[in-house]
Amino acid sequence: MSTFPLRKWAGIAFVAVYLLLGVPLWYKLTTIYRAPLPRDYINSLHNNRFQDVHLTIPVFIKSDTYKFPDIHEATQIQVNHLMNTKEQDIKWSLQILPYNETFIEEARDQGEEYHIVTLMLEDFVGFNAAYDSKNTIVYFNDENVVNNDLPFFVAQTLVEHTFNVEWQYFSESRLMQSGNNNVAINYNPDVHLSINLLNGDGSPIDWEIDETLKIYFTPLREFLSPLVNFTVDTTVTYFNDLNLHNVNNTNTTTWKDISHIIDLSELSSMNHFTENSVVNLAVVFPSNTTTPEGLQFIDSEDNSNWKSFIVPRWGVLILNKYPLAPNTILTRDYLDAIMYKFSNDLFELLGLTSDMKDIFSPVITIDSFKRVRILQNMEKSIETLWSLVKLTEQFEQMTIPEEVLENLKKVLEIRLQVVDILNDPLRGDDNSWNEALRLSNDMVKESETAFFHGEMLKQNFFPQEHKLAVYLPLMGPISIVLLTGIISLFKEPSGTTEKETEKELTKDEEEEKKESIEAASVDAIDGVDEIQSEASS
């Protein structure tokens, strides 16, 4: 019986397993998953990042002396005219509204505060800003009313002073340029404040830092909490004066002069924090051994015997002139002045201003920088997403995990929420700006999470040439053996006829018969020989 059909089906089975199981398995093992990113939308946002943003700030105007029924409309015209004198890179506007006492009081009860302009009749013309509220006071006289100059004066005060930060950042392509970029630390919603007391000697000392922080820094910390969340630690270090004894006989007066001598790297390496941004405050006393007469270059005008230096992107360094006596306790009388100076310098380190004298009002300045930071975060997150898209386009075999797509979608969804807040004139209160800032910080976090995803960071891709180099030595011999075997199998006749089968059987029988006859002949010859031998005997 022929085995050809069995061999044929076995060959077909091998080919089927190769094609139906082997090839899909190879494809599965070598295929890189690339989640579909909204590339066109991200490119559109990158080319015109604020195409759907029109930041609107509501301002309520009131007059206690005269009743001006149309002062808000006249001021609005002047504000629009003044803002149109500059090309706006980011669309923004002030919406001047009549003062609504009921609405304002209800908002205050809910912890919400709006910008208010109060018109006060005086003998002089000028303006002022409240230190602890978002209230701008405009002083005018009767001559301003007669000449109809009051609307323009109010508009000029609002645009060029109250909202000067927005006026500068949104109209001069300065959004991503910090006004004090060489000094300010990188912005992060979580900042750690490290306060160090360094004594050049090993004698025990103490300081009333806890009470000082509660009185001076805690209110500032709460004030800045919508913009920055601070964590604080304090440390006392002995036998470390930052090499101040090496500059004892110099006439150095600035940080630039002593920066090449004082080494802050050792102090920074001593501390490790979870926050990415750190502000340092170091209070240093020289050693009584190396500088018993004190540091000669410190000569304070107020006889405080200490001098403050702002270290760019690091913090504040307080150098004291004289060493400390053993068992000295630094009281609040000394520390209060230190913390007051540091609080002023902190605004510069956070990039809010280059000089505290330039701040129109701390509350208004913080409010303005919330809006600036919101837009900066939006731009930064879109830039990160665009970089991610360009990276995946450059490496076509790079994997794009599903988690990256989810992070990216979340960034775009949060962006739409922020845009809704910025464009809504009825949501210009503190809580709305705080919410928008929090959302924009989440945008940056999610975009960086997407960009620095584990598989993306490792550039987990498998080029085509690598596939051939790895799998060809394995699949090549198998494919050749299987292919040549199946070809030779199918080149054989498809089957044999019954006649051919009978012929084969007859031929086999004849051969068997012939073999039998030959065997019988041999046996017969053997028998004759035996008979002859018996007869002879």
Protein backbone atom coordinates (compact mmCIF):
# COMPACT_ATOMS: atom_id res chain seq x y z
CA MET A 1 0.00 0.00 0.00
CA SER A 2 1.33 3.49 -0.96
CA THR A 3 2.34 6.02 1.80
CA PHE A 4 2.21 9.01 -0.53
CA PRO A 5 -1.11 10.46 0.74
CA LEU A 6 0.11 10.25 4.32
CA ARG A 7 3.35 12.00 3.48
CA LYS A 8 1.45 14.63 1.52
CA TRP A 9 -0.86 15.47 4.40
CA ALA A 10 2.05 15.52 6.82
CA GLY A 11 3.82 18.06 4.60
CA ILE A 12 0.69 20.18 4.38
CA ALA A 13 0.37 20.05 8.20
CA PHE A 14 3.95 21.27 8.63
CA VAL A 15 3.33 24.16 6.24
CA ALA A 16 0.06 25.02 8.00
CA VAL A 17 1.75 25.09 11.42
CA TYR A 18 4.54 27.22 9.97
CA LEU A 19 2.17 29.73 8.39
CA LEU A 20 -0.71 29.77 10.87
CA LEU A 21 1.27 29.54 14.10
CA GLY A 22 4.90 30.37 13.42
CA VAL A 23 4.46 33.50 11.30
CA PRO A 24 1.83 35.14 13.60
CA LEU A 25 3.95 34.29 16.62
CA TRP A 26 7.02 35.86 15.00
CA TYR A 27 4.98 38.94 14.06
CA LYS A 28 3.63 39.21 17.59
CA LEU A 29 7.08 38.96 19.13
CA THR A 30 8.63 41.50 16.79
CA THR A 31 5.81 44.03 16.34
CA ILE A 32 6.10 47.31 18.29
CA TYR A 33 2.85 48.77 19.66
CA ARG A 34 2.43 52.41 18.74
CA ALA A 35 -0.57 54.12 20.26
CA PRO A 36 -2.18 56.61 17.84
CA LEU A 37 -1.21 60.10 19.00
CA PRO A 38 -3.21 63.18 17.92
CA ARG A 39 -0.24 64.57 16.03
CA ASP A 40 -2.10 67.11 13.91
CA TYR A 41 -3.82 68.67 16.91
CA ILE A 42 -0.59 68.90 18.89
CA ASN A 43 1.25 70.43 15.93
CA SER A 44 -1.57 72.96 15.58
CA LEU A 45 -1.29 73.92 19.25
CA HIS A 46 2.47 74.17 18.95
CA ASN A 47 2.26 76.50 15.95
CA ASN A 48 -0.36 78.68 17.64
CA ARG A 49 -0.27 77.81 21.30
CA PHE A 50 -2.87 80.28 22.51
CA GLN A 51 -5.19 80.25 19.53
CA ASP A 52 -8.24 79.59 21.71
CA VAL A 53 -7.21 81.73 24.70
CA HIS A 54 -8.57 85.19 25.46
CA LEU A 55 -7.71 85.87 29.07
CA THR A 56 -10.32 88.13 30.64
CA ILE A 57 -9.85 89.88 33.99
CA PRO A 58 -12.94 91.46 35.57
CA VAL A 59 -12.43 94.79 37.34
CA PHE A 60 -15.17 96.50 39.35
CA ILE A 61 -15.12 100.28 39.58
CA LYS A 62 -16.86 102.33 42.25
CA SER A 63 -17.01 105.96 43.36
CA ASP A 64 -17.95 106.99 46.89
CA THR A 65 -18.22 110.73 46.24
CA TYR A 66 -19.71 111.23 42.80
CA LYS A 67 -22.07 108.87 41.05
CA PHE A 68 -20.81 108.19 37.53
CA PRO A 69 -23.43 105.99 35.82
CA ASP A 70 -21.29 105.43 32.75
CA ILE A 71 -17.78 105.56 34.21
CA HIS A 72 -17.25 101.84 33.56
CA GLU A 73 -18.18 102.21 29.88
CA ALA A 74 -15.95 105.25 29.37
CA THR A 75 -13.08 103.56 31.18
CA GLN A 76 -13.56 100.41 29.07
CA ILE A 77 -13.14 102.43 25.88
CA GLN A 78 -9.93 104.00 27.16
CA VAL A 79 -8.59 100.65 28.37
CA ASN A 80 -9.21 99.03 24.98
CA HIS A 81 -7.56 101.94 23.19
CA LEU A 82 -4.51 101.83 25.45
CA MET A 83 -4.10 98.05 25.15
CA ASN A 84 -4.33 98.26 21.36
CA THR A 85 -1.21 100.42 21.28
CA LYS A 86 0.81 97.21 21.75
CA GLU A 87 0.64 94.07 19.69
CA GLN A 88 -0.71 91.32 21.90
CA ASP A 89 1.09 88.01 21.58
CA ILE A 90 -1.51 86.58 23.94
CA LYS A 91 -5.04 87.89 23.75
CA TRP A 92 -6.08 89.40 27.06
CA SER A 93 -8.40 92.15 28.17
CA LEU A 94 -9.83 93.91 31.19
CA GLN A 95 -13.58 93.88 31.59
CA ILE A 96 -14.62 97.00 33.48
CA LEU A 97 -17.83 96.42 35.41
CA PRO A 98 -19.94 98.67 37.67
CA TYR A 99 -19.51 97.96 41.34
CA ASN A 100 -22.09 95.54 42.70
CA GLU A 101 -21.89 95.57 46.46
CA THR A 102 -24.17 92.56 46.95
CA PHE A 103 -22.17 90.44 44.51
CA ILE A 104 -18.83 91.48 46.03
CA GLU A 105 -19.96 90.77 49.59
CA GLU A 106 -21.29 87.33 48.66
CA ALA A 107 -18.02 86.56 46.92
CA ARG A 108 -16.01 87.61 49.98
CA ASP A 109 -18.13 85.36 52.19
CA GLN A 110 -17.07 82.47 49.95
CA GLY A 111 -13.41 83.45 50.10
CA GLU A 112 -13.40 85.00 46.63
CA GLU A 113 -11.92 88.41 45.87
CA TYR A 114 -12.03 90.51 42.71
CA HIS A 115 -10.06 93.51 41.51
CA ILE A 116 -11.70 96.76 42.58
CA VAL A 117 -10.92 100.34 41.58
CA THR A 118 -12.03 102.93 44.12
CA LEU A 119 -12.34 106.55 42.95
CA MET A 120 -11.62 109.06 45.71
CA LEU A 121 -11.96 112.84 45.43
CA GLU A 122 -8.86 114.67 46.70
CA ASP A 123 -6.95 117.86 46.07
CA PHE A 124 -4.30 115.96 44.13
CA VAL A 125 -4.16 113.39 41.36
CA GLY A 126 -2.53 110.02 41.91
CA PHE A 127 -3.05 106.38 42.72
CA ASN A 128 -2.21 103.81 45.35
CA ALA A 129 -2.69 100.11 45.97
CA ALA A 130 -3.71 98.32 49.11
CA TYR A 131 -0.99 96.14 50.60
CA ASP A 132 -3.28 93.28 51.64
CA SER A 133 -6.06 93.33 49.02
CA LYS A 134 -6.70 93.68 45.29
CA ASN A 135 -7.97 97.23 45.64
CA THR A 136 -6.51 100.07 43.55
CA ILE A 137 -7.29 103.59 44.73
CA VAL A 138 -7.36 106.39 42.16
CA TYR A 139 -7.30 109.96 43.48
CA PHE A 140 -8.86 112.66 41.32
CA ASN A 141 -10.00 116.27 41.61
CA ASP A 142 -12.85 118.28 40.20
CA GLU A 143 -10.75 119.46 37.29
CA ASN A 144 -10.39 115.87 36.09
CA VAL A 145 -14.16 115.53 36.09
CA VAL A 146 -14.72 118.78 34.21
CA ASN A 147 -12.12 117.92 31.54
CA ASN A 148 -13.37 114.33 31.32
CA ASP A 149 -9.86 113.07 32.03
CA LEU A 150 -10.87 110.62 34.72
CA PRO A 151 -11.63 107.60 32.43
CA PHE A 152 -8.22 107.84 30.76
CA PHE A 153 -6.44 108.29 34.07
CA VAL A 154 -8.18 105.22 35.51
CA ALA A 155 -7.37 103.20 32.38
CA GLN A 156 -3.72 104.25 32.49
CA THR A 157 -3.47 103.29 36.17
CA LEU A 158 -4.97 99.87 35.55
CA VAL A 159 -3.00 98.93 32.44
CA GLU A 160 0.40 100.40 33.24
CA HIS A 161 0.49 99.86 37.00
CA THR A 162 -2.09 97.48 38.45
CA PHE A 163 -1.72 94.98 35.60
CA ASN A 164 1.76 95.97 34.55
CA VAL A 165 2.98 92.37 34.80
CA GLU A 166 0.42 91.21 32.23
CA TRP A 167 1.05 94.33 30.16
CA GLN A 168 4.74 93.42 29.89
CA TYR A 169 4.59 89.63 29.61
CA PHE A 170 1.63 89.26 27.27
CA SER A 171 2.54 92.05 24.88
CA GLU A 172 6.27 91.73 24.32
CA SER A 173 6.92 88.01 23.69
CA ARG A 174 8.27 87.69 27.22
CA LEU A 175 6.01 84.93 28.44
CA MET A 176 8.76 82.30 28.77
CA GLN A 177 11.36 84.84 29.91
CA SER A 178 11.55 85.35 33.63
CA GLY A 179 12.12 88.95 34.53
CA ASN A 180 14.91 87.87 36.87
CA ASN A 181 16.05 84.73 35.10
CA ASN A 182 19.67 84.83 36.29
CA VAL A 183 18.71 84.76 39.96
CA ALA A 184 15.38 82.94 40.21
CA ILE A 185 15.18 79.21 40.78
CA ASN A 186 13.25 76.99 38.38
CA TYR A 187 9.57 77.19 39.15
CA ASN A 188 7.99 74.23 40.85
CA PRO A 189 4.73 74.17 42.82
CA ASP A 190 6.59 72.36 45.62
CA VAL A 191 9.68 74.12 46.99
CA HIS A 192 11.80 73.11 49.94
CA LEU A 193 13.35 75.74 52.21
CA SER A 194 16.53 74.59 53.91
CA ILE A 195 17.70 76.84 56.77
CA ASN A 196 21.24 76.17 58.01
CA LEU A 197 23.14 77.66 60.91
CA LEU A 198 26.89 77.17 60.41
CA ASN A 199 29.43 77.70 63.16
CA GLY A 200 33.13 77.72 62.37
CA ASP A 201 33.88 76.30 65.83
CA GLY A 202 32.62 73.23 67.65
CA SER A 203 31.26 74.99 70.72
CA PRO A 204 27.54 74.31 71.35
CA ILE A 205 25.07 76.98 70.20
CA ASP A 206 21.30 77.23 69.89
CA TRP A 207 18.74 79.47 68.18
CA GLU A 208 15.07 80.37 68.56
CA ILE A 209 14.27 79.56 64.97
CA ASP A 210 10.94 77.81 65.57
CA GLU A 211 9.30 80.84 67.14
CA THR A 212 10.74 83.14 64.50
CA LEU A 213 9.41 81.00 61.67
CA LYS A 214 5.95 80.88 63.20
CA ILE A 215 5.75 84.65 63.50
CA TYR A 216 7.48 85.77 60.29
CA PHE A 217 7.61 82.97 57.78
CA THR A 218 4.29 81.19 58.38
CA PRO A 219 2.21 84.21 57.23
CA LEU A 220 4.43 84.57 54.15
CA ARG A 221 4.13 80.86 53.50
CA GLU A 222 0.33 81.07 53.62
CA PHE A 223 0.39 84.16 51.42
CA LEU A 224 2.46 82.40 48.75
CA SER A 225 0.65 79.06 49.09
CA PRO A 226 -1.50 79.54 45.94
CA LEU A 227 1.71 79.90 43.93
CA VAL A 228 4.23 77.78 45.87
CA ASN A 229 3.91 75.17 48.60
CA PHE A 230 6.86 75.32 51.02
CA THR A 231 8.33 72.60 53.19
CA VAL A 232 10.96 73.66 55.74
CA ASP A 233 13.83 72.07 57.63
CA THR A 234 16.47 73.57 59.92
CA THR A 235 20.00 72.34 60.63
CA VAL A 236 22.92 73.36 62.85
CA THR A 237 26.38 72.52 61.44
CA TYR A 238 29.66 72.80 63.33
CA PHE A 239 33.25 73.26 62.13
CA ASN A 240 32.16 74.76 58.84
CA ASP A 241 32.54 78.44 58.01
CA LEU A 242 32.49 77.97 54.20
CA ASN A 243 36.16 79.03 54.05
CA LEU A 244 35.40 82.56 55.21
CA HIS A 245 38.83 82.81 56.79
CA ASN A 246 40.31 82.87 53.28
CA VAL A 247 38.59 86.18 52.50
CA ASN A 248 39.19 87.84 55.83
CA ASN A 249 41.67 90.46 54.65
CA THR A 250 39.95 91.38 51.39
CA ASN A 251 37.68 94.28 50.62
CA THR A 252 35.06 92.13 48.91
CA THR A 253 31.54 93.51 49.04
CA THR A 254 29.49 91.45 46.57
CA TRP A 255 28.72 87.81 46.03
CA LYS A 256 30.57 87.86 42.73
CA ASP A 257 33.75 88.82 44.56
CA ILE A 258 33.63 85.96 47.07
CA SER A 259 31.91 83.28 44.97
CA HIS A 260 35.25 81.82 43.83
CA ILE A 261 36.33 81.31 47.45
CA ILE A 262 33.19 80.19 49.27
CA ASP A 263 32.21 76.62 48.41
CA LEU A 264 28.49 75.89 48.74
CA SER A 265 28.62 72.50 47.06
CA GLU A 266 29.46 70.70 50.29
CA LEU A 267 26.54 72.35 52.04
CA SER A 268 24.16 71.44 49.23
CA SER A 269 25.36 67.82 49.08
CA MET A 270 24.62 67.35 52.77
CA ASN A 271 20.88 67.54 52.15
CA HIS A 272 18.70 65.41 49.91
CA PHE A 273 15.08 66.42 49.38
CA THR A 274 12.20 64.97 47.43
CA GLU A 275 11.34 68.38 45.98
CA ASN A 276 13.03 69.34 42.73
CA SER A 277 13.37 73.02 43.71
CA VAL A 278 15.23 74.09 46.84
CA VAL A 279 15.83 77.52 48.36
CA ASN A 280 18.63 77.77 50.92
CA LEU A 281 19.16 80.18 53.78
CA ALA A 282 22.60 79.83 55.36
CA VAL A 283 23.56 81.86 58.45
CA VAL A 284 27.34 81.61 58.86
CA PHE A 285 29.54 82.57 61.79
CA PRO A 286 33.34 82.55 61.40
CA SER A 287 35.68 80.53 63.56
CA ASN A 288 37.20 82.11 66.64
CA THR A 289 40.40 80.22 65.88
CA THR A 290 40.98 81.48 62.33
CA THR A 291 39.29 84.88 62.57
CA PRO A 292 39.26 85.97 66.22
CA GLU A 293 38.86 89.64 65.27
CA GLY A 294 36.05 89.00 62.83
CA LEU A 295 35.63 89.48 59.09
CA GLN A 296 36.99 92.87 58.13
CA PHE A 297 35.06 93.24 54.87
CA ILE A 298 31.67 93.19 56.64
CA ASP A 299 30.78 96.76 57.48
CA SER A 300 27.03 97.22 57.78
CA GLU A 301 25.59 100.71 57.78
CA ASP A 302 23.02 99.84 60.46
CA ASN A 303 25.66 98.31 62.77
CA SER A 304 24.00 94.90 62.51
CA ASN A 305 27.38 93.15 62.08
CA TRP A 306 26.07 90.89 59.32
CA LYS A 307 25.64 91.13 55.59
CA SER A 308 23.25 89.43 53.20
CA PHE A 309 24.14 88.03 49.77
CA ILE A 310 21.73 86.64 47.20
CA VAL A 311 23.29 83.59 45.57
CA PRO A 312 21.75 83.10 42.10
CA ARG A 313 19.60 79.98 41.82
CA TRP A 314 20.63 78.88 45.30
CA GLY A 315 19.33 81.15 48.04
CA VAL A 316 20.51 83.69 50.58
CA LEU A 317 23.81 83.73 52.44
CA ILE A 318 24.06 85.64 55.73
CA LEU A 319 27.67 86.31 56.76
CA ASN A 320 28.30 87.48 60.31
CA LYS A 321 31.29 89.56 61.23
CA TYR A 322 32.19 88.12 64.63
CA PRO A 323 32.45 84.53 65.92
CA LEU A 324 30.01 83.20 68.47
CA ALA A 325 30.91 82.64 72.08
CA PRO A 326 30.34 79.13 73.48
CA ASN A 327 26.75 78.34 74.56
CA THR A 328 25.35 81.33 72.69
CA ILE A 329 21.60 81.38 72.00
CA LEU A 330 20.51 83.38 68.96
CA THR A 331 17.33 85.12 70.06
CA ARG A 332 14.43 86.52 68.06
CA ASP A 333 15.93 90.00 68.22
CA TYR A 334 18.64 88.78 65.87
CA LEU A 335 16.63 86.27 63.84
CA ASP A 336 13.69 88.60 63.13
CA ALA A 337 15.87 90.93 61.09
CA ILE A 338 17.35 87.95 59.24
CA MET A 339 13.92 86.57 58.32
CA TYR A 340 12.64 89.99 57.26
CA LYS A 341 15.54 90.41 54.84
CA PHE A 342 15.15 86.86 53.59
CA SER A 343 11.42 87.36 52.99
CA ASN A 344 12.17 90.29 50.71
CA ASP A 345 14.86 88.35 48.86
CA LEU A 346 12.52 85.38 48.46
CA PHE A 347 10.38 87.32 45.98
CA GLU A 348 13.46 87.76 43.82
CA LEU A 349 14.46 84.09 44.13
CA LEU A 350 10.98 83.03 43.04
CA GLY A 351 11.21 85.28 39.99
CA LEU A 352 8.40 87.60 41.09
CA THR A 353 10.50 90.73 40.87
CA SER A 354 14.08 91.93 40.63
CA ASP A 355 13.53 94.43 43.43
CA MET A 356 10.87 94.63 46.13
CA LYS A 357 10.59 98.35 45.44
CA ASP A 358 9.17 97.52 42.00
CA ILE A 359 6.20 95.63 43.45
CA PHE A 360 3.02 97.65 43.07
CA SER A 361 1.22 95.53 45.66
CA PRO A 362 2.23 92.08 46.96
CA VAL A 363 -1.31 90.71 46.63
CA ILE A 364 -1.79 92.09 43.12
CA THR A 365 1.68 90.94 42.06
CA ILE A 366 1.04 87.39 43.27
CA ASP A 367 -2.29 87.41 41.46
CA SER A 368 -0.64 88.57 38.24
CA PHE A 369 2.08 85.95 38.44
CA LYS A 370 -0.55 83.26 38.85
CA ARG A 371 -1.85 84.16 35.40
CA VAL A 372 1.65 84.37 33.95
CA ARG A 373 2.56 81.00 35.43
CA ILE A 374 -0.67 79.43 34.15
CA LEU A 375 0.16 80.41 30.57
CA GLN A 376 3.82 79.43 31.01
CA ASN A 377 2.74 75.98 32.20
CA MET A 378 0.39 75.64 29.25
CA GLU A 379 3.17 76.53 26.83
CA LYS A 380 5.67 74.26 28.56
CA SER A 381 3.32 71.26 28.49
CA ILE A 382 2.47 71.72 24.80
CA GLU A 383 6.19 72.06 24.02
CA THR A 384 6.80 68.77 25.84
CA LEU A 385 4.02 67.02 23.91
CA TRP A 386 5.33 68.39 20.63
CA SER A 387 8.81 67.10 21.46
CA LEU A 388 7.26 63.71 22.19
CA VAL A 389 5.50 63.68 18.82
CA LYS A 390 8.68 64.66 16.96
CA LEU A 391 10.62 61.96 18.80
CA THR A 392 8.16 59.24 17.83
CA GLU A 393 8.18 60.47 14.23
CA GLN A 394 11.96 60.34 14.10
CA PHE A 395 12.08 56.79 15.49
CA GLU A 396 9.34 55.00 13.62
CA GLN A 397 10.04 51.70 15.38
CA MET A 398 9.86 53.23 18.87
CA THR A 399 7.09 51.86 21.05
CA ILE A 400 4.28 54.18 22.18
CA PRO A 401 2.60 52.58 25.21
CA GLU A 402 -1.09 53.05 25.87
CA GLU A 403 -0.23 54.86 29.12
CA VAL A 404 1.51 57.58 27.12
CA LEU A 405 -1.62 58.14 25.05
CA GLU A 406 -3.73 58.34 28.21
CA ASN A 407 -1.36 60.91 29.75
CA LEU A 408 -1.45 62.91 26.54
CA LYS A 409 -5.25 62.89 26.41
CA LYS A 410 -5.38 63.98 30.02
CA VAL A 411 -3.09 66.95 29.28
CA LEU A 412 -5.34 68.08 26.43
CA GLU A 413 -8.47 67.66 28.55
CA ILE A 414 -6.96 69.69 31.39
CA ARG A 415 -5.93 72.36 28.92
CA LEU A 416 -9.53 72.81 27.82
CA GLN A 417 -10.58 73.23 31.45
CA VAL A 418 -7.93 75.91 31.97
CA VAL A 419 -8.97 77.73 28.79
CA ASP A 420 -12.59 77.79 29.99
CA ILE A 421 -11.50 79.45 33.24
CA LEU A 422 -9.26 82.00 31.54
CA ASN A 423 -11.88 83.01 28.99
CA ASP A 424 -14.76 83.36 31.46
CA PRO A 425 -15.02 86.96 32.80
CA LEU A 426 -17.25 85.76 35.65
CA ARG A 427 -14.49 83.50 37.00
CA GLY A 428 -11.85 86.12 37.71
CA ASP A 429 -11.74 85.57 41.47
CA ASP A 430 -8.93 84.12 43.57
CA ASN A 431 -10.37 80.62 43.70
CA SER A 432 -10.65 80.47 39.91
CA TRP A 433 -7.05 81.57 39.36
CA ASN A 434 -5.88 79.10 42.01
CA GLU A 435 -7.80 76.30 40.33
CA ALA A 436 -6.39 77.21 36.91
CA LEU A 437 -2.86 77.28 38.36
CA ARG A 438 -3.33 73.88 39.96
CA LEU A 439 -4.64 72.44 36.70
CA SER A 440 -1.77 73.93 34.71
CA ASN A 441 0.71 72.37 37.15
CA ASP A 442 -1.03 69.05 36.54
CA MET A 443 -0.61 69.63 32.80
CA VAL A 444 3.15 69.95 33.19
CA LYS A 445 3.31 66.89 35.43
CA GLU A 446 1.26 64.71 33.07
CA SER A 447 3.16 65.86 29.98
CA GLU A 448 6.51 65.08 31.61
CA THR A 449 5.16 61.72 32.78
CA ALA A 450 4.26 60.92 29.17
CA PHE A 451 7.61 62.07 27.80
CA PHE A 452 9.68 60.29 30.44
CA HIS A 453 7.71 57.05 30.38
CA GLY A 454 9.89 54.06 31.18
CA GLU A 455 9.67 52.43 27.78
CA MET A 456 9.94 55.75 25.99
CA LEU A 457 12.96 56.74 28.04
CA LYS A 458 14.73 53.48 27.20
CA GLN A 459 13.87 54.03 23.54
CA ASN A 460 12.49 50.51 23.38
CA PHE A 461 12.42 50.03 19.61
CA PHE A 462 13.40 47.13 17.34
CA PRO A 463 14.63 48.18 13.87
CA GLN A 464 14.00 45.96 10.86
CA GLU A 465 17.69 45.16 10.44
CA HIS A 466 17.75 43.86 14.02
CA LYS A 467 14.82 41.58 13.27
CA LEU A 468 16.68 40.05 10.33
CA ALA A 469 19.91 39.72 12.28
CA VAL A 470 18.22 37.88 15.15
CA TYR A 471 15.63 35.74 13.42
CA LEU A 472 17.21 34.92 10.03
CA PRO A 473 19.73 32.38 11.44
CA LEU A 474 16.83 30.61 13.15
CA MET A 475 14.10 30.83 10.55
CA GLY A 476 16.33 30.50 7.47
CA PRO A 477 17.31 26.81 7.85
CA ILE A 478 13.81 25.84 8.96
CA SER A 479 12.23 27.60 6.00
CA ILE A 480 14.70 26.09 3.50
CA VAL A 481 14.21 22.52 4.76
CA LEU A 482 10.45 22.89 4.82
CA LEU A 483 10.30 24.53 1.39
CA THR A 484 12.57 22.03 -0.39
CA GLY A 485 10.76 19.10 1.26
CA ILE A 486 7.33 20.26 0.21
CA ILE A 487 8.51 20.99 -3.34
CA SER A 488 10.05 17.53 -3.74
CA LEU A 489 6.93 15.97 -2.26
CA PHE A 490 4.63 17.63 -4.75
CA LYS A 491 6.93 16.80 -7.66
CA GLU A 492 6.19 13.10 -7.11
CA PRO A 493 3.31 11.45 -9.12
CA SER A 494 -0.03 12.18 -7.58
CA GLY A 495 -0.83 8.39 -7.34
CA THR A 496 -0.54 4.91 -9.01
CA THR A 497 -3.22 3.02 -11.01
CA GLU A 498 -4.49 -0.40 -10.06
CA LYS A 499 -2.80 -1.91 -13.10
CA GLU A 500 0.51 -0.46 -12.07
CA THR A 501 -0.12 -1.80 -8.66
CA GLU A 502 -0.92 -5.25 -10.04
CA LYS A 503 2.18 -5.15 -12.22
CA GLU A 504 4.22 -4.31 -9.19
CA LEU A 505 2.60 -7.15 -7.29
CA THR A 506 3.08 -9.61 -10.24
CA LYS A 507 6.68 -8.59 -10.53
CA ASP A 508 7.15 -9.18 -6.87
CA GLU A 509 5.47 -12.59 -7.12
CA GLU A 510 7.64 -13.61 -10.08
CA GLU A 511 10.74 -12.63 -8.19
CA GLU A 512 9.58 -14.63 -5.21
CA LYS A 513 8.76 -17.65 -7.49
CA LYS A 514 12.14 -17.42 -9.18
CA GLU A 515 13.85 -17.37 -5.83
CA SER A 516 11.83 -20.44 -4.79
CA ILE A 517 12.81 -22.41 -7.96
CA GLU A 518 16.44 -21.53 -7.46
CA ALA A 519 16.23 -22.68 -3.90
CA ALA A 520 14.54 -25.96 -4.98
CA SER A 521 17.21 -26.60 -7.60
CA VAL A 522 19.90 -26.23 -5.02
CA ASP A 523 18.09 -28.67 -2.74
CA ALA A 524 17.65 -31.23 -5.62
CA ILE A 525 21.35 -31.19 -6.43
CA ASP A 526 22.14 -31.81 -2.81
CA GLY A 527 19.73 -34.83 -2.86
CA VAL A 528 21.34 -36.54 -5.95
CA ASP A 529 24.76 -36.33 -4.38
CA GLU A 530 23.51 -38.12 -1.28
CA ILE A 531 21.93 -41.03 -3.36
CA GLN A 532 25.11 -41.57 -5.34
CA SER A 533 27.20 -41.73 -2.24
CA GLU A 534 24.89 -44.41 -0.70
CA ALA A 535 24.95 -46.57 -3.87
CA SER A 536 28.73 -46.56 -3.99
CA SER A 537 28.87 -47.79 -0.49
